[in-house]
Protein backbone atom coordinates (compact mmCIF):
# COMPACT_ATOMS: atom_id res chain seq x y z
CA MET A 1 100.91 104.03 111.34
CA PRO A 2 100.10 100.78 109.44
CA ARG A 3 99.19 100.96 105.75
CA LEU A 4 95.64 100.05 106.35
CA TYR A 5 94.88 102.98 108.50
CA GLU A 6 96.83 105.33 106.25
CA ASN A 7 94.43 106.04 103.44
CA VAL A 8 91.15 105.79 105.27
CA ASP A 9 88.78 108.63 105.05
CA ARG A 10 87.02 108.61 108.86
CA PHE A 11 84.09 110.40 107.60
CA GLN A 12 83.29 108.16 104.85
CA HIS A 13 84.00 105.30 107.22
CA ASN A 14 81.65 106.87 109.93
CA GLU A 15 78.84 107.52 107.13
CA SER A 16 79.20 103.76 105.86
CA TYR A 17 78.61 102.54 109.29
CA LEU A 18 75.91 104.72 109.94
CA GLU A 19 74.23 103.69 106.69
CA THR A 20 74.88 99.93 107.61
CA TYR A 21 73.22 100.25 111.11
CA ILE A 22 70.42 101.95 109.81
CA SER A 23 69.78 99.64 106.76
CA ARG A 24 70.09 96.28 108.89
CA ASP A 25 69.51 96.79 112.40
CA VAL A 26 67.08 99.59 112.68
CA ARG A 27 65.01 98.23 109.96
CA GLU A 28 65.02 94.83 111.68
CA LEU A 29 64.64 95.99 115.54
CA LEU A 30 62.43 99.16 114.87
CA GLN A 31 60.60 98.54 111.61
CA VAL A 32 61.14 102.42 111.04
CA ALA A 33 59.24 103.41 108.17
CA ASP A 34 60.95 106.83 107.91
CA GLU A 35 64.57 106.41 107.97
CA THR A 36 64.93 110.33 107.56
CA ALA A 37 63.27 110.94 111.17
CA PHE A 38 65.10 108.22 112.87
CA LEU A 39 68.32 110.08 111.27
CA ASN A 40 66.97 113.24 112.71
CA PHE A 41 66.37 111.64 115.88
CA MET A 42 70.03 110.41 116.07
CA SER A 43 71.31 113.90 115.41
CA VAL A 44 69.36 115.54 118.17
CA ILE A 45 70.60 112.89 120.58
CA ALA A 46 74.14 113.80 119.67
CA ALA A 47 73.71 117.44 120.06
CA ARG A 48 72.33 116.72 123.64
CA THR A 49 75.47 114.99 124.66
CA ALA A 50 75.90 115.51 128.51
CA ALA A 51 72.75 116.78 128.96
CA ASN A 52 69.49 115.11 131.13
CA VAL A 53 67.14 113.19 129.13
CA ASN A 54 63.76 114.57 128.67
CA TYR A 55 61.37 112.54 126.10
CA ASP A 56 58.76 115.20 125.75
CA ILE A 57 61.45 117.80 124.44
CA LEU A 58 62.92 115.07 122.40
CA ALA A 59 59.61 114.16 121.14
CA VAL A 60 58.87 118.15 120.14
CA GLU A 61 62.36 118.36 118.43
CA THR A 62 61.93 115.30 116.39
CA GLU A 63 58.27 115.65 115.54
CA VAL A 64 57.64 112.19 116.84
CA LEU A 65 55.60 110.60 119.98
CA ALA A 66 57.50 110.81 123.40
CA ALA A 67 56.91 106.98 123.52
CA THR A 68 58.87 106.68 120.12
CA ALA A 69 61.45 108.85 121.24
CA LYS A 70 61.81 106.58 124.48
CA HIS A 71 61.59 103.31 122.26
CA TRP A 72 63.99 104.77 119.86
CA LEU A 73 66.43 105.64 122.60
CA SER A 74 66.16 102.14 124.37
CA VAL A 75 67.10 100.72 121.05
CA LEU A 76 70.11 102.82 120.44
CA VAL A 77 71.18 102.08 124.18
CA SER A 78 70.65 98.32 123.70
CA SER A 79 72.83 98.34 120.31
CA GLY A 80 75.83 100.40 122.07
CA ILE A 81 75.42 103.59 120.02
CA VAL A 82 74.33 105.85 123.16
CA ALA A 83 75.29 105.21 126.70
CA LEU A 84 73.06 106.63 129.45
CA ILE A 85 74.78 107.74 132.66
CA GLN A 86 73.29 108.47 135.87
CA PRO A 87 74.13 111.86 137.22
CA TYR A 88 76.39 111.89 140.21
CA SER A 89 76.02 113.90 143.20
CA ASN A 90 78.11 113.48 146.68
CA ASN A 91 75.23 115.50 148.54
CA ALA A 92 73.26 112.42 149.24
CA LEU A 93 76.38 111.08 151.31
CA ILE A 94 76.52 113.90 153.81
CA PRO A 95 73.49 114.82 155.97
CA TRP A 96 72.91 118.57 155.77
CA LYS A 97 72.68 120.15 159.36
CA PRO A 98 71.82 123.92 160.06
CA GLY A 99 74.92 125.99 160.73
CA ARG A 100 77.48 123.68 159.36
CA TRP A 101 80.24 124.59 156.86
CA THR A 102 79.08 123.60 153.52
CA GLY A 103 82.18 123.11 151.68
CA LEU A 104 81.62 125.81 149.28
CA PHE A 105 84.42 127.99 148.42
């Protein structure tokens, strides 16, 4: 491994990146007065990886309004921190008919 990466503390690097992101981008884009609330929001979003997005539940867990949660999440998506992926279901491709084999084992 190159010497550049040998002595890098990844936790410290991620923490520094997050501080820079909060201090520069979030203050400019969101004009967040309470950075702690935004960090809490990011923690809740990270804990809900691979789950359906429900803005009302996010609002309750982070103690902000649902509209605020939706706005903050849209900024995280636009800045590349979060990626929203649509759920995939193959059921829409095959029309269901009564008495037809479902394909479930």
